[in-house]
Amino acid sequence: HQPPLHVPEEGFLIETLKQVYTEQTGQTATVMAIGGGTYARAIKNAVAFGAQFPGRPEVFHEKDEYISIEDLILHTKIYAHAIAALCCE
């Protein structure tokens, strides 16, 4: 058992990720908490970031899990810009 992971939405990390998402998609970023575990717990001040765009089918962990090429490219842009924004501060 591990204690819950909580990262404040008002902090630098989440604000930066939300800003990058909004800049790349043109949509207001919203945050959510999920049940289950991620590797974010293994690293101090880390969060799980991505991967469901609004209006897309929710096929995560299904037998026919997939992502469109367009969404894969957009995710790549978001991650690249997020890394640059977080590393250059």
PDB file of N, CA and C in Angstrom:
ATOM      1  N   HIS A   1       0.843  -1.189   0.000  1.00  0.00           N
ATOM      2  CA  HIS A   1       0.000   0.000   0.000  1.00  0.00           C
ATOM      3  C   HIS A   1       0.880   1.241   0.000  1.00  0.00           C
ATOM      4  N   GLN A   2       0.501   2.207  -0.804  1.00  0.00           N
ATOM      5  CA  GLN A   2       1.203   3.488  -0.838  1.00  0.00           C
ATOM      6  C   GLN A   2       0.205   4.602  -0.562  1.00  0.00           C
ATOM      7  N   PRO A   3       0.672   5.693   0.026  1.00  0.00           N
ATOM      8  CA  PRO A   3      -0.239   6.815   0.264  1.00  0.00           C
ATOM      9  C   PRO A   3      -0.689   7.425  -1.064  1.00  0.00           C
ATOM     10  N   PRO A   4      -1.830   8.099  -1.076  1.00  0.00           N
ATOM     11  CA  PRO A   4      -2.309   8.730  -2.303  1.00  0.00           C
ATOM     12  C   PRO A   4      -1.323   9.779  -2.805  1.00  0.00           C
ATOM     13  N   LEU A   5      -1.291   9.958  -4.103  1.00  0.00           N
ATOM     14  CA  LEU A   5      -0.459  10.988  -4.721  1.00  0.00           C
ATOM     15  C   LEU A   5      -1.342  12.197  -4.985  1.00  0.00           C
ATOM     16  N   HIS A   6      -0.931  13.355  -4.502  1.00  0.00           N
ATOM     17  CA  HIS A   6      -1.682  14.585  -4.769  1.00  0.00           C
ATOM     18  C   HIS A   6      -0.702  15.682  -5.136  1.00  0.00           C
ATOM     19  N   VAL A   7      -0.929  16.303  -6.278  1.00  0.00           N
ATOM     20  CA  VAL A   7      -0.131  17.443  -6.727  1.00  0.00           C
ATOM     21  C   VAL A   7      -1.105  18.598  -6.909  1.00  0.00           C
ATOM     22  N   PRO A   8      -0.898  19.732  -6.230  1.00  0.00           N
ATOM     23  CA  PRO A   8      -1.848  20.842  -6.314  1.00  0.00           C
ATOM     24  C   PRO A   8      -1.978  21.382  -7.740  1.00  0.00           C
ATOM     25  N   GLU A   9      -3.202  21.651  -8.146  1.00  0.00           N
ATOM     26  CA  GLU A   9      -3.454  22.196  -9.480  1.00  0.00           C
ATOM     27  C   GLU A   9      -2.849  23.585  -9.642  1.00  0.00           C
ATOM     28  N   GLU A  10      -2.706  24.310  -8.553  1.00  0.00           N
ATOM     29  CA  GLU A  10      -2.212  25.685  -8.618  1.00  0.00           C
ATOM     30  C   GLU A  10      -0.691  25.782  -8.707  1.00  0.00           C
ATOM     31  N   GLY A  11       0.010  24.689  -8.696  1.00  0.00           N
ATOM     32  CA  GLY A  11       1.469  24.725  -8.719  1.00  0.00           C
ATOM     33  C   GLY A  11       2.045  24.871 -10.117  1.00  0.00           C
ATOM     34  N   PHE A  12       3.342  25.097 -10.171  1.00  0.00           N
ATOM     35  CA  PHE A  12       4.056  25.314 -11.432  1.00  0.00           C
ATOM     36  C   PHE A  12       3.879  24.153 -12.406  1.00  0.00           C
ATOM     37  N   LEU A  13       3.996  22.924 -11.933  1.00  0.00           N
ATOM     38  CA  LEU A  13       3.930  21.762 -12.816  1.00  0.00           C
ATOM     39  C   LEU A  13       2.591  21.686 -13.546  1.00  0.00           C
ATOM     40  N   ILE A  14       1.504  21.690 -12.804  1.00  0.00           N
ATOM     41  CA  ILE A  14       0.183  21.547 -13.417  1.00  0.00           C
ATOM     42  C   ILE A  14      -0.157  22.766 -14.262  1.00  0.00           C
ATOM     43  N   GLU A  15       0.142  23.954 -13.773  1.00  0.00           N
ATOM     44  CA  GLU A  15      -0.141  25.166 -14.556  1.00  0.00           C
ATOM     45  C   GLU A  15       0.605  25.144 -15.885  1.00  0.00           C
ATOM     46  N   THR A  16       1.851  24.707 -15.881  1.00  0.00           N
ATOM     47  CA  THR A  16       2.637  24.633 -17.114  1.00  0.00           C
ATOM     48  C   THR A  16       2.045  23.610 -18.071  1.00  0.00           C
ATOM     49  N   LEU A  17       1.699  22.435 -17.581  1.00  0.00           N
ATOM     50  CA  LEU A  17       1.111  21.402 -18.434  1.00  0.00           C
ATOM     51  C   LEU A  17      -0.219  21.858 -19.024  1.00  0.00           C
ATOM     52  N   LYS A  18      -1.045  22.516 -18.221  1.00  0.00           N
ATOM     53  CA  LYS A  18      -2.318  23.029 -18.721  1.00  0.00           C
ATOM     54  C   LYS A  18      -2.101  24.081 -19.801  1.00  0.00           C
ATOM     55  N   GLN A  19      -1.135  24.965 -19.589  1.00  0.00           N
ATOM     56  CA  GLN A  19      -0.855  26.019 -20.564  1.00  0.00           C
ATOM     57  C   GLN A  19      -0.394  25.420 -21.893  1.00  0.00           C
ATOM     58  N   VAL A  20       0.508  24.466 -21.840  1.00  0.00           N
ATOM     59  CA  VAL A  20       0.998  23.820 -23.066  1.00  0.00           C
ATOM     60  C   VAL A  20      -0.150  23.118 -23.789  1.00  0.00           C
ATOM     61  N   TYR A  21      -0.972  22.395 -23.053  1.00  0.00           N
ATOM     62  CA  TYR A  21      -2.116  21.706 -23.664  1.00  0.00           C
ATOM     63  C   TYR A  21      -3.014  22.706 -24.388  1.00  0.00           C
ATOM     64  N   THR A  22      -3.339  23.806 -23.724  1.00  0.00           N
ATOM     65  CA  THR A  22      -4.211  24.818 -24.318  1.00  0.00           C
ATOM     66  C   THR A  22      -3.572  25.438 -25.551  1.00  0.00           C
ATOM     67  N   GLU A  23      -2.281  25.739 -25.480  1.00  0.00           N
ATOM     68  CA  GLU A  23      -1.586  26.325 -26.629  1.00  0.00           C
ATOM     69  C   GLU A  23      -1.587  25.378 -27.828  1.00  0.00           C
ATOM     70  N   GLN A  24      -1.418  24.099 -27.607  1.00  0.00           N
ATOM     71  CA  GLN A  24      -1.316  23.135 -28.707  1.00  0.00           C
ATOM     72  C   GLN A  24      -2.671  22.684 -29.250  1.00  0.00           C
ATOM     73  N   THR A  25      -3.708  22.699 -28.423  1.00  0.00           N
ATOM     74  CA  THR A  25      -5.012  22.190 -28.865  1.00  0.00           C
ATOM     75  C   THR A  25      -6.035  23.288 -29.119  1.00  0.00           C
ATOM     76  N   GLY A  26      -5.819  24.460 -28.524  1.00  0.00           N
ATOM     77  CA  GLY A  26      -6.822  25.513 -28.611  1.00  0.00           C
ATOM     78  C   GLY A  26      -8.006  25.270 -27.688  1.00  0.00           C
ATOM     79  N   GLN A  27      -7.915  24.266 -26.836  1.00  0.00           N
ATOM     80  CA  GLN A  27      -8.980  23.926 -25.896  1.00  0.00           C
ATOM     81  C   GLN A  27      -8.521  24.194 -24.472  1.00  0.00           C
ATOM     82  N   THR A  28      -9.456  24.588 -23.632  1.00  0.00           N
ATOM     83  CA  THR A  28      -9.137  24.784 -22.227  1.00  0.00           C
ATOM     84  C   THR A  28      -8.792  23.440 -21.597  1.00  0.00           C
ATOM     85  N   ALA A  29      -7.688  23.405 -20.905  1.00  0.00           N
ATOM     86  CA  ALA A  29      -7.253  22.173 -20.244  1.00  0.00           C
ATOM     87  C   ALA A  29      -8.023  21.982 -18.947  1.00  0.00           C
ATOM     88  N   THR A  30      -8.452  20.762 -18.711  1.00  0.00           N
ATOM     89  CA  THR A  30      -9.063  20.411 -17.433  1.00  0.00           C
ATOM     90  C   THR A  30      -8.252  19.271 -16.831  1.00  0.00           C
ATOM     91  N   VAL A  31      -8.205  19.239 -15.532  1.00  0.00           N
ATOM     92  CA  VAL A  31      -7.451  18.183 -14.859  1.00  0.00           C
ATOM     93  C   VAL A  31      -8.422  17.177 -14.266  1.00  0.00           C
ATOM     94  N   MET A  32      -7.940  15.962 -14.083  1.00  0.00           N
ATOM     95  CA  MET A  32      -8.772  14.934 -13.469  1.00  0.00           C
ATOM     96  C   MET A  32      -7.898  14.023 -12.625  1.00  0.00           C
ATOM     97  N   ALA A  33      -8.520  13.431 -11.664  1.00  0.00           N
ATOM     98  CA  ALA A  33      -7.852  12.415 -10.856  1.00  0.00           C
ATOM     99  C   ALA A  33      -8.383  11.062 -11.301  1.00  0.00           C
ATOM    100  N   ILE A  34      -7.526  10.055 -11.264  1.00  0.00           N
ATOM    101  CA  ILE A  34      -7.934   8.717 -11.672  1.00  0.00           C
ATOM    102  C   ILE A  34      -7.697   7.739 -10.534  1.00  0.00           C
ATOM    103  N   GLY A  35      -8.440   6.684 -10.550  1.00  0.00           N
ATOM    104  CA  GLY A  35      -8.173   5.588  -9.636  1.00  0.00           C
ATOM    105  C   GLY A  35      -7.078   4.724 -10.239  1.00  0.00           C
ATOM    106  N   GLY A  36      -6.580   3.822  -9.482  1.00  0.00           N
ATOM    107  CA  GLY A  36      -5.523   2.963 -10.005  1.00  0.00           C
ATOM    108  C   GLY A  36      -4.165   3.584  -9.774  1.00  0.00           C
ATOM    109  N   GLY A  37      -3.157   2.950 -10.303  1.00  0.00           N
ATOM    110  CA  GLY A  37      -1.799   3.414 -10.064  1.00  0.00           C
ATOM    111  C   GLY A  37      -1.087   3.789 -11.343  1.00  0.00           C
ATOM    112  N   THR A  38      -0.142   4.693 -11.223  1.00  0.00           N
ATOM    113  CA  THR A  38       0.737   5.063 -12.327  1.00  0.00           C
ATOM    114  C   THR A  38       2.160   5.119 -11.787  1.00  0.00           C
ATOM    115  N   TYR A  39       3.105   5.241 -12.692  1.00  0.00           N
ATOM    116  CA  TYR A  39       4.499   5.375 -12.277  1.00  0.00           C
ATOM    117  C   TYR A  39       4.798   6.758 -11.706  1.00  0.00           C
ATOM    118  N   ALA A  40       3.856   7.677 -11.762  1.00  0.00           N
ATOM    119  CA  ALA A  40       4.071   9.013 -11.209  1.00  0.00           C
ATOM    120  C   ALA A  40       4.423   8.950  -9.723  1.00  0.00           C
ATOM    121  N   ARG A  41       3.942   7.945  -9.031  1.00  0.00           N
ATOM    122  CA  ARG A  41       4.242   7.814  -7.599  1.00  0.00           C
ATOM    123  C   ARG A  41       5.722   7.566  -7.332  1.00  0.00           C
ATOM    124  N   ALA A  42       6.425   7.059  -8.318  1.00  0.00           N
ATOM    125  CA  ALA A  42       7.827   6.685  -8.121  1.00  0.00           C
ATOM    126  C   ALA A  42       8.776   7.875  -8.199  1.00  0.00           C
ATOM    127  N   ILE A  43       8.285   9.010  -8.665  1.00  0.00           N
ATOM    128  CA  ILE A  43       9.140  10.179  -8.871  1.00  0.00           C
ATOM    129  C   ILE A  43       8.541  11.355  -8.112  1.00  0.00           C
ATOM    130  N   LYS A  44       9.358  12.050  -7.359  1.00  0.00           N
ATOM    131  CA  LYS A  44       8.884  13.204  -6.606  1.00  0.00           C
ATOM    132  C   LYS A  44       8.386  14.279  -7.570  1.00  0.00           C
ATOM    133  N   ASN A  45       7.259  14.884  -7.244  1.00  0.00           N
ATOM    134  CA  ASN A  45       6.659  15.964  -8.034  1.00  0.00           C
ATOM    135  C   ASN A  45       6.360  15.552  -9.471  1.00  0.00           C
ATOM    136  N   ALA A  46       5.847  14.359  -9.672  1.00  0.00           N
ATOM    137  CA  ALA A  46       5.487  13.887 -11.010  1.00  0.00           C
ATOM    138  C   ALA A  46       3.980  13.661 -11.084  1.00  0.00           C
ATOM    139  N   VAL A  47       3.458  13.718 -12.290  1.00  0.00           N
ATOM    140  CA  VAL A  47       2.050  13.420 -12.534  1.00  0.00           C
ATOM    141  C   VAL A  47       1.936  12.594 -13.812  1.00  0.00           C
ATOM    142  N   ALA A  48       0.850  11.857 -13.929  1.00  0.00           N
ATOM    143  CA  ALA A  48       0.520  11.203 -15.195  1.00  0.00           C
ATOM    144  C   ALA A  48      -0.128  12.274 -16.071  1.00  0.00           C
ATOM    145  N   PHE A  49       0.337  12.425 -17.301  1.00  0.00           N
ATOM    146  CA  PHE A  49      -0.111  13.524 -18.163  1.00  0.00           C
ATOM    147  C   PHE A  49      -0.506  12.991 -19.530  1.00  0.00           C
ATOM    148  N   GLY A  50      -1.711  13.259 -19.971  1.00  0.00           N
ATOM    149  CA  GLY A  50      -2.214  12.824 -21.273  1.00  0.00           C
ATOM    150  C   GLY A  50      -3.347  11.865 -21.013  1.00  0.00           C
ATOM    151  N   ALA A  51      -3.820  11.273 -21.805  1.00  0.00           N
ATOM    152  CA  ALA A  51      -3.768  10.887 -23.180  1.00  0.00           C
ATOM    153  C   ALA A  51      -5.162  10.827 -23.782  1.00  0.00           C
ATOM    154  N   GLN A  52      -6.185  11.329 -23.107  1.00  0.00           N
ATOM    155  CA  GLN A  52      -7.551  11.256 -23.638  1.00  0.00           C
ATOM    156  C   GLN A  52      -8.031  12.643 -24.038  1.00  0.00           C
ATOM    157  N   PHE A  53      -8.275  12.829 -25.348  1.00  0.00           N
ATOM    158  CA  PHE A  53      -8.849  14.086 -25.824  1.00  0.00           C
ATOM    159  C   PHE A  53     -10.372  14.009 -25.729  1.00  0.00           C
ATOM    160  N   PRO A  54     -11.022  15.140 -25.443  1.00  0.00           N
ATOM    161  CA  PRO A  54     -12.489  15.148 -25.354  1.00  0.00           C
ATOM    162  C   PRO A  54     -13.120  14.679 -26.669  1.00  0.00           C
ATOM    163  N   GLY A  55     -14.188  13.908 -26.536  1.00  0.00           N
ATOM    164  CA  GLY A  55     -14.932  13.466 -27.701  1.00  0.00           C
ATOM    165  C   GLY A  55     -14.368  12.254 -28.417  1.00  0.00           C
ATOM    166  N   ARG A  56     -13.223  11.756 -27.981  1.00  0.00           N
ATOM    167  CA  ARG A  56     -12.638  10.567 -28.602  1.00  0.00           C
ATOM    168  C   ARG A  56     -13.162   9.320 -27.892  1.00  0.00           C
ATOM    169  N   PRO A  57     -13.235   8.208 -28.606  1.00  0.00           N
ATOM    170  CA  PRO A  57     -13.667   6.964 -27.944  1.00  0.00           C
ATOM    171  C   PRO A  57     -12.704   6.576 -26.820  1.00  0.00           C
ATOM    172  N   GLU A  58     -13.245   6.082 -25.726  1.00  0.00           N
ATOM    173  CA  GLU A  58     -12.417   5.634 -24.604  1.00  0.00           C
ATOM    174  C   GLU A  58     -12.122   4.151 -24.789  1.00  0.00           C
ATOM    175  N   VAL A  59     -10.958   3.861 -25.345  1.00  0.00           N
ATOM    176  CA  VAL A  59     -10.590   2.473 -25.661  1.00  0.00           C
ATOM    177  C   VAL A  59      -9.356   2.009 -24.893  1.00  0.00           C
ATOM    178  N   PHE A  60      -8.975   2.733 -23.849  1.00  0.00           N
ATOM    179  CA  PHE A  60      -7.793   2.362 -23.081  1.00  0.00           C
ATOM    180  C   PHE A  60      -7.980   1.005 -22.421  1.00  0.00           C
ATOM    181  N   HIS A  61      -6.969   0.183 -22.533  1.00  0.00           N
ATOM    182  CA  HIS A  61      -6.934  -1.142 -21.920  1.00  0.00           C
ATOM    183  C   HIS A  61      -8.013  -2.087 -22.454  1.00  0.00           C
ATOM    184  N   GLU A  62      -8.560  -1.775 -23.603  1.00  0.00           N
ATOM    185  CA  GLU A  62      -9.516  -2.667 -24.261  1.00  0.00           C
ATOM    186  C   GLU A  62      -8.755  -3.604 -25.196  1.00  0.00           C
ATOM    187  N   LYS A  63      -9.401  -4.637 -25.669  1.00  0.00           N
ATOM    188  CA  LYS A  63      -8.713  -5.587 -26.544  1.00  0.00           C
ATOM    189  C   LYS A  63      -8.313  -4.959 -27.870  1.00  0.00           C
ATOM    190  N   ASP A  64      -9.033  -3.939 -28.318  1.00  0.00           N
ATOM    191  CA  ASP A  64      -8.703  -3.256 -29.570  1.00  0.00           C
ATOM    192  C   ASP A  64      -8.236  -1.822 -29.310  1.00  0.00           C
ATOM    193  N   GLU A  65      -7.433  -1.637 -28.284  1.00  0.00           N
ATOM    194  CA  GLU A  65      -6.929  -0.307 -27.935  1.00  0.00           C
ATOM    195  C   GLU A  65      -6.175   0.284 -29.119  1.00  0.00           C
ATOM    196  N   TYR A  66      -6.393   1.569 -29.385  1.00  0.00           N
ATOM    197  CA  TYR A  66      -5.719   2.234 -30.505  1.00  0.00           C
ATOM    198  C   TYR A  66      -5.682   3.736 -30.268  1.00  0.00           C
ATOM    199  N   ILE A  67      -4.927   4.428 -31.109  1.00  0.00           N
ATOM    200  CA  ILE A  67      -4.911   5.883 -31.159  1.00  0.00           C
ATOM    201  C   ILE A  67      -4.764   6.263 -32.628  1.00  0.00           C
ATOM    202  N   SER A  68      -5.448   7.323 -33.037  1.00  0.00           N
ATOM    203  CA  SER A  68      -5.336   7.759 -34.430  1.00  0.00           C
ATOM    204  C   SER A  68      -3.963   8.394 -34.652  1.00  0.00           C
ATOM    205  N   ILE A  69      -3.514   8.376 -35.883  1.00  0.00           N
ATOM    206  CA  ILE A  69      -2.224   8.996 -36.223  1.00  0.00           C
ATOM    207  C   ILE A  69      -2.256  10.482 -35.878  1.00  0.00           C
ATOM    208  N   GLU A  70      -3.367  11.150 -36.170  1.00  0.00           N
ATOM    209  CA  GLU A  70      -3.486  12.583 -35.873  1.00  0.00           C
ATOM    210  C   GLU A  70      -3.340  12.845 -34.376  1.00  0.00           C
ATOM    211  N   ASP A  71      -3.995  12.031 -33.557  1.00  0.00           N
ATOM    212  CA  ASP A  71      -3.880  12.206 -32.106  1.00  0.00           C
ATOM    213  C   ASP A  71      -2.473  11.879 -31.615  1.00  0.00           C
ATOM    214  N   LEU A  72      -1.848  10.878 -32.196  1.00  0.00           N
ATOM    215  CA  LEU A  72      -0.477  10.530 -31.818  1.00  0.00           C
ATOM    216  C   LEU A  72       0.469  11.690 -32.104  1.00  0.00           C
ATOM    217  N   ILE A  73       0.306  12.324 -33.249  1.00  0.00           N
ATOM    218  CA  ILE A  73       1.141  13.482 -33.604  1.00  0.00           C
ATOM    219  C   ILE A  73       0.872  14.633 -32.643  1.00  0.00           C
ATOM    220  N   LEU A  74      -0.397  14.893 -32.331  1.00  0.00           N
ATOM    221  CA  LEU A  74      -0.725  15.974 -31.399  1.00  0.00           C
ATOM    222  C   LEU A  74      -0.165  15.685 -30.011  1.00  0.00           C
ATOM    223  N   HIS A  75      -0.278  14.451 -29.541  1.00  0.00           N
ATOM    224  CA  HIS A  75       0.318  14.086 -28.246  1.00  0.00           C
ATOM    225  C   HIS A  75       1.823  14.343 -28.253  1.00  0.00           C
ATOM    226  N   THR A  76       2.477  13.980 -29.345  1.00  0.00           N
ATOM    227  CA  THR A  76       3.923  14.170 -29.453  1.00  0.00           C
ATOM    228  C   THR A  76       4.282  15.644 -29.355  1.00  0.00           C
ATOM    229  N   LYS A  77       3.524  16.492 -30.024  1.00  0.00           N
ATOM    230  CA  LYS A  77       3.762  17.942 -29.950  1.00  0.00           C
ATOM    231  C   LYS A  77       3.556  18.456 -28.525  1.00  0.00           C
ATOM    232  N   ILE A  78       2.485  18.009 -27.896  1.00  0.00           N
ATOM    233  CA  ILE A  78       2.206  18.446 -26.523  1.00  0.00           C
ATOM    234  C   ILE A  78       3.333  18.023 -25.593  1.00  0.00           C
ATOM    235  N   TYR A  79       3.770  16.767 -25.684  1.00  0.00           N
ATOM    236  CA  TYR A  79       4.840  16.287 -24.810  1.00  0.00           C
ATOM    237  C   TYR A  79       6.142  17.033 -25.071  1.00  0.00           C
ATOM    238  N   ALA A  80       6.473  17.269 -26.326  1.00  0.00           N
ATOM    239  CA  ALA A  80       7.717  17.979 -26.650  1.00  0.00           C
ATOM    240  C   ALA A  80       7.694  19.398 -26.096  1.00  0.00           C
ATOM    241  N   HIS A  81       6.581  20.089 -26.272  1.00  0.00           N
ATOM    242  CA  HIS A  81       6.481  21.458 -25.751  1.00  0.00           C
ATOM    243  C   HIS A  81       6.452  21.469 -24.223  1.00  0.00           C
ATOM    244  N   ALA A  82       5.825  20.468 -23.621  1.00  0.00           N
ATOM    245  CA  ALA A  82       5.801  20.388 -22.156  1.00  0.00           C
ATOM    246  C   ALA A  82       7.204  20.174 -21.603  1.00  0.00           C
ATOM    247  N   ILE A  83       7.961  19.292 -22.223  1.00  0.00           N
ATOM    248  CA  ILE A  83       9.341  19.053 -21.777  1.00  0.00           C
ATOM    249  C   ILE A  83      10.153  20.334 -21.884  1.00  0.00           C
ATOM    250  N   ALA A  84      10.029  21.026 -23.010  1.00  0.00           N
ATOM    251  CA  ALA A  84      10.775  22.276 -23.195  1.00  0.00           C
ATOM    252  C   ALA A  84      10.365  23.315 -22.154  1.00  0.00           C
ATOM    253  N   ALA A  85       9.077  23.455 -21.914  1.00  0.00           N
ATOM    254  CA  ALA A  85       8.601  24.450 -20.947  1.00  0.00           C
ATOM    255  C   ALA A  85       9.052  24.118 -19.531  1.00  0.00           C
ATOM    256  N   LEU A  86       9.028  22.852 -19.163  1.00  0.00           N
ATOM    257  CA  LEU A  86       9.415  22.462 -17.807  1.00  0.00           C
ATOM    258  C   LEU A  86      10.923  22.496 -17.603  1.00  0.00           C
ATOM    259  N   CYS A  87      11.674  22.202 -18.639  1.00  0.00           N
ATOM    260  CA  CYS A  87      13.136  22.153 -18.511  1.00  0.00           C
ATOM    261  C   CYS A  87      13.792  23.520 -18.638  1.00  0.00           C
ATOM    262  N   CYS A  88      13.104  24.462 -19.229  1.00  0.00           N
ATOM    263  CA  CYS A  88      13.711  25.776 -19.477  1.00  0.00           C
ATOM    264  C   CYS A  88      13.377  26.784 -18.396  1.00  0.00           C
ATOM    265  N   GLU A  89      12.638  26.389 -17.395  1.00  0.00           N
ATOM    266  CA  GLU A  89      12.300  27.303 -16.296  1.00  0.00           C
ATOM    267  C   GLU A  89      13.335  27.222 -15.201  1.00  0.00           C
TER     268      GLU A  89
END
